[in-house]
Amino acid sequence: MNFAAITPSAPPINVSTRREGIKPNDVIQNGIFVFEGHFEIPLAAAIGHRQKAKDLLAQAKPNEALIEAQRAVELAPSAVACKAVFGDVLASFNRSDEARLRTGA
């Protein structure tokens, strides 16, 4: 699975490495592998929270944006794009020093 098309600033997410040795339950359309089960892909989950934080910040809803940005960073603490949005949200509260400290900027 490659989420680069969804989020061009992020590197491709290769979730297949976590399933090596697991056979798909089905193959459809000559190449779409179907797996059943629960697979942890925190970076993919963080993408939605990061985008929601950006949208909320653009709508002048910084409190809600902060919650989403924090969740994104919790899910993917090393993701630069998530940290950047978290920093942007903190900066909107005039917390630039904290933003630099918490994002490593």
C-alpha atoms as a PDB file:
ATOM      1  CA  MET A   1       0.000   0.000   0.000  1.00  0.00           C
ATOM      2  CA  ASN A   2       1.423   3.386  -0.923  1.00  0.00           C
ATOM      3  CA  PHE A   3      -0.064   6.464   0.716  1.00  0.00           C
ATOM      4  CA  ALA A   4       2.220   8.874  -1.178  1.00  0.00           C
ATOM      5  CA  ALA A   5      -0.642   9.757  -3.507  1.00  0.00           C
ATOM      6  CA  ILE A   6      -2.708  10.873  -0.527  1.00  0.00           C
ATOM      7  CA  THR A   7       0.072  12.820   1.114  1.00  0.00           C
ATOM      8  CA  PRO A   8       2.785  13.849  -1.332  1.00  0.00           C
ATOM      9  CA  SER A   9       5.016  15.288   1.403  1.00  0.00           C
ATOM     10  CA  ALA A  10       5.371  11.929   3.128  1.00  0.00           C
ATOM     11  CA  PRO A  11       7.504   9.031   1.988  1.00  0.00           C
ATOM     12  CA  PRO A  12       5.696   5.938   0.727  1.00  0.00           C
ATOM     13  CA  ILE A  13       4.348   3.669   3.450  1.00  0.00           C
ATOM     14  CA  ASN A  14       5.139   0.055   2.774  1.00  0.00           C
ATOM     15  CA  VAL A  15       2.736  -1.946   4.910  1.00  0.00           C
ATOM     16  CA  SER A  16       3.483  -5.198   3.091  1.00  0.00           C
ATOM     17  CA  THR A  17       6.712  -5.668   5.046  1.00  0.00           C
ATOM     18  CA  ARG A  18       4.662  -6.275   8.159  1.00  0.00           C
ATOM     19  CA  ARG A  19       2.773  -9.114   6.485  1.00  0.00           C
ATOM     20  CA  GLU A  20       5.671 -11.000   4.949  1.00  0.00           C
ATOM     21  CA  GLY A  21       4.846 -14.664   4.916  1.00  0.00           C
ATOM     22  CA  ILE A  22       1.090 -14.089   5.207  1.00  0.00           C
ATOM     23  CA  LYS A  23      -0.888 -15.157   2.174  1.00  0.00           C
ATOM     24  CA  PRO A  24      -3.784 -12.972   1.021  1.00  0.00           C
ATOM     25  CA  ASN A  25      -7.312 -14.256   1.474  1.00  0.00           C
ATOM     26  CA  ASP A  26      -8.129 -13.197  -2.066  1.00  0.00           C
ATOM     27  CA  VAL A  27      -6.713 -11.422  -5.096  1.00  0.00           C
ATOM     28  CA  ILE A  28      -9.081  -9.211  -7.049  1.00  0.00           C
ATOM     29  CA  GLN A  29      -8.674  -7.199 -10.241  1.00  0.00           C
ATOM     30  CA  ASN A  30      -5.432  -9.082 -11.036  1.00  0.00           C
ATOM     31  CA  GLY A  31      -3.370  -7.461  -8.336  1.00  0.00           C
ATOM     32  CA  ILE A  32      -5.303  -6.153  -5.364  1.00  0.00           C
ATOM     33  CA  PHE A  33      -4.452  -8.392  -2.446  1.00  0.00           C
ATOM     34  CA  VAL A  34      -7.145  -8.823   0.198  1.00  0.00           C
ATOM     35  CA  PHE A  35      -6.073  -9.603   3.747  1.00  0.00           C
ATOM     36  CA  GLU A  36      -8.360 -10.205   6.681  1.00  0.00           C
ATOM     37  CA  GLY A  37      -7.345  -9.273  10.186  1.00  0.00           C
ATOM     38  CA  HIS A  38      -6.040  -6.342  12.165  1.00  0.00           C
ATOM     39  CA  PHE A  39      -2.862  -4.627  11.005  1.00  0.00           C
ATOM     40  CA  GLU A  40      -1.209  -1.781  12.873  1.00  0.00           C
ATOM     41  CA  ILE A  41      -0.265   1.046  10.513  1.00  0.00           C
ATOM     42  CA  PRO A  42       0.075   4.063  12.789  1.00  0.00           C
ATOM     43  CA  LEU A  43       1.546   6.400  10.169  1.00  0.00           C
ATOM     44  CA  ALA A  44      -1.430   5.832   7.911  1.00  0.00           C
ATOM     45  CA  ALA A  45      -3.753   6.500  10.849  1.00  0.00           C
ATOM     46  CA  ALA A  46      -1.834   9.676  11.698  1.00  0.00           C
ATOM     47  CA  ILE A  47      -2.390  11.074   8.199  1.00  0.00           C
ATOM     48  CA  GLY A  48      -6.102  11.574   8.849  1.00  0.00           C
ATOM     49  CA  HIS A  49      -5.529  13.304  12.176  1.00  0.00           C
ATOM     50  CA  ARG A  50      -2.833  15.512  10.665  1.00  0.00           C
ATOM     51  CA  GLN A  51      -5.110  16.588   7.809  1.00  0.00           C
ATOM     52  CA  LYS A  52      -8.018  17.220  10.156  1.00  0.00           C
ATOM     53  CA  ALA A  53      -5.756  19.398  12.327  1.00  0.00           C
ATOM     54  CA  LYS A  54      -4.733  21.416   9.266  1.00  0.00           C
ATOM     55  CA  ASP A  55      -8.362  21.835   8.220  1.00  0.00           C
ATOM     56  CA  LEU A  56      -9.474  22.878  11.708  1.00  0.00           C
ATOM     57  CA  LEU A  57      -6.640  25.372  11.973  1.00  0.00           C
ATOM     58  CA  ALA A  58      -7.671  26.870   8.632  1.00  0.00           C
ATOM     59  CA  GLN A  59     -11.232  27.169   9.998  1.00  0.00           C
ATOM     60  CA  ALA A  60      -9.893  29.117  13.028  1.00  0.00           C
ATOM     61  CA  LYS A  61     -10.655  26.251  15.418  1.00  0.00           C
ATOM     62  CA  PRO A  62      -7.296  25.940  17.175  1.00  0.00           C
ATOM     63  CA  ASN A  63      -8.527  24.016  20.233  1.00  0.00           C
ATOM     64  CA  GLU A  64      -9.934  21.228  18.082  1.00  0.00           C
ATOM     65  CA  ALA A  65      -6.873  21.374  15.834  1.00  0.00           C
ATOM     66  CA  LEU A  66      -4.606  20.884  18.844  1.00  0.00           C
ATOM     67  CA  ILE A  67      -6.401  17.672  19.808  1.00  0.00           C
ATOM     68  CA  GLU A  68      -6.039  16.272  16.287  1.00  0.00           C
ATOM     69  CA  ALA A  69      -2.403  17.358  15.958  1.00  0.00           C
ATOM     70  CA  GLN A  70      -1.520  15.773  19.304  1.00  0.00           C
ATOM     71  CA  ARG A  71      -3.149  12.525  18.227  1.00  0.00           C
ATOM     72  CA  ALA A  72      -1.211  12.532  14.954  1.00  0.00           C
ATOM     73  CA  VAL A  73       2.092  12.967  16.792  1.00  0.00           C
ATOM     74  CA  GLU A  74       1.158  10.271  19.310  1.00  0.00           C
ATOM     75  CA  LEU A  75       0.512   7.821  16.476  1.00  0.00           C
ATOM     76  CA  ALA A  76       3.590   8.751  14.438  1.00  0.00           C
ATOM     77  CA  PRO A  77       6.095  10.558  16.677  1.00  0.00           C
ATOM     78  CA  SER A  78       8.874  10.516  14.083  1.00  0.00           C
ATOM     79  CA  ALA A  79       6.753  11.786  11.167  1.00  0.00           C
ATOM     80  CA  VAL A  80       8.032  15.218  10.212  1.00  0.00           C
ATOM     81  CA  ALA A  81       4.753  16.276   8.581  1.00  0.00           C
ATOM     82  CA  CYS A  82       2.811  15.479  11.764  1.00  0.00           C
ATOM     83  CA  LYS A  83       5.306  17.377  13.900  1.00  0.00           C
ATOM     84  CA  ALA A  84       5.147  20.346  11.529  1.00  0.00           C
ATOM     85  CA  VAL A  85       1.371  20.619  11.831  1.00  0.00           C
ATOM     86  CA  PHE A  86       1.624  20.209  15.595  1.00  0.00           C
ATOM     87  CA  GLY A  87       4.127  23.068  15.617  1.00  0.00           C
ATOM     88  CA  ASP A  88       1.832  25.205  13.468  1.00  0.00           C
ATOM     89  CA  VAL A  89      -1.037  24.629  15.873  1.00  0.00           C
ATOM     90  CA  LEU A  90       1.102  25.478  18.894  1.00  0.00           C
ATOM     91  CA  ALA A  91       2.327  28.606  17.118  1.00  0.00           C
ATOM     92  CA  SER A  92      -1.294  29.663  16.589  1.00  0.00           C
ATOM     93  CA  PHE A  93      -1.526  29.841  20.390  1.00  0.00           C
ATOM     94  CA  ASN A  94       1.640  32.007  20.465  1.00  0.00           C
ATOM     95  CA  ARG A  95       3.511  29.029  21.908  1.00  0.00           C
ATOM     96  CA  SER A  96       6.392  29.182  19.413  1.00  0.00           C
ATOM     97  CA  ASP A  97       9.057  28.263  21.981  1.00  0.00           C
ATOM     98  CA  GLU A  98       7.114  25.151  22.944  1.00  0.00           C
ATOM     99  CA  ALA A  99       6.534  24.370  19.271  1.00  0.00           C
ATOM    100  CA  ARG A 100      10.294  24.463  18.607  1.00  0.00           C
ATOM    101  CA  LEU A 101      11.006  22.344  21.674  1.00  0.00           C
ATOM    102  CA  ARG A 102       8.340  19.715  21.009  1.00  0.00           C
ATOM    103  CA  THR A 103       8.918  19.400  17.273  1.00  0.00           C
ATOM    104  CA  GLY A 104      12.697  19.570  17.253  1.00  0.00           C
ATOM    105  CA  ALA A 105      12.667  22.629  14.974  1.00  0.00           C
END
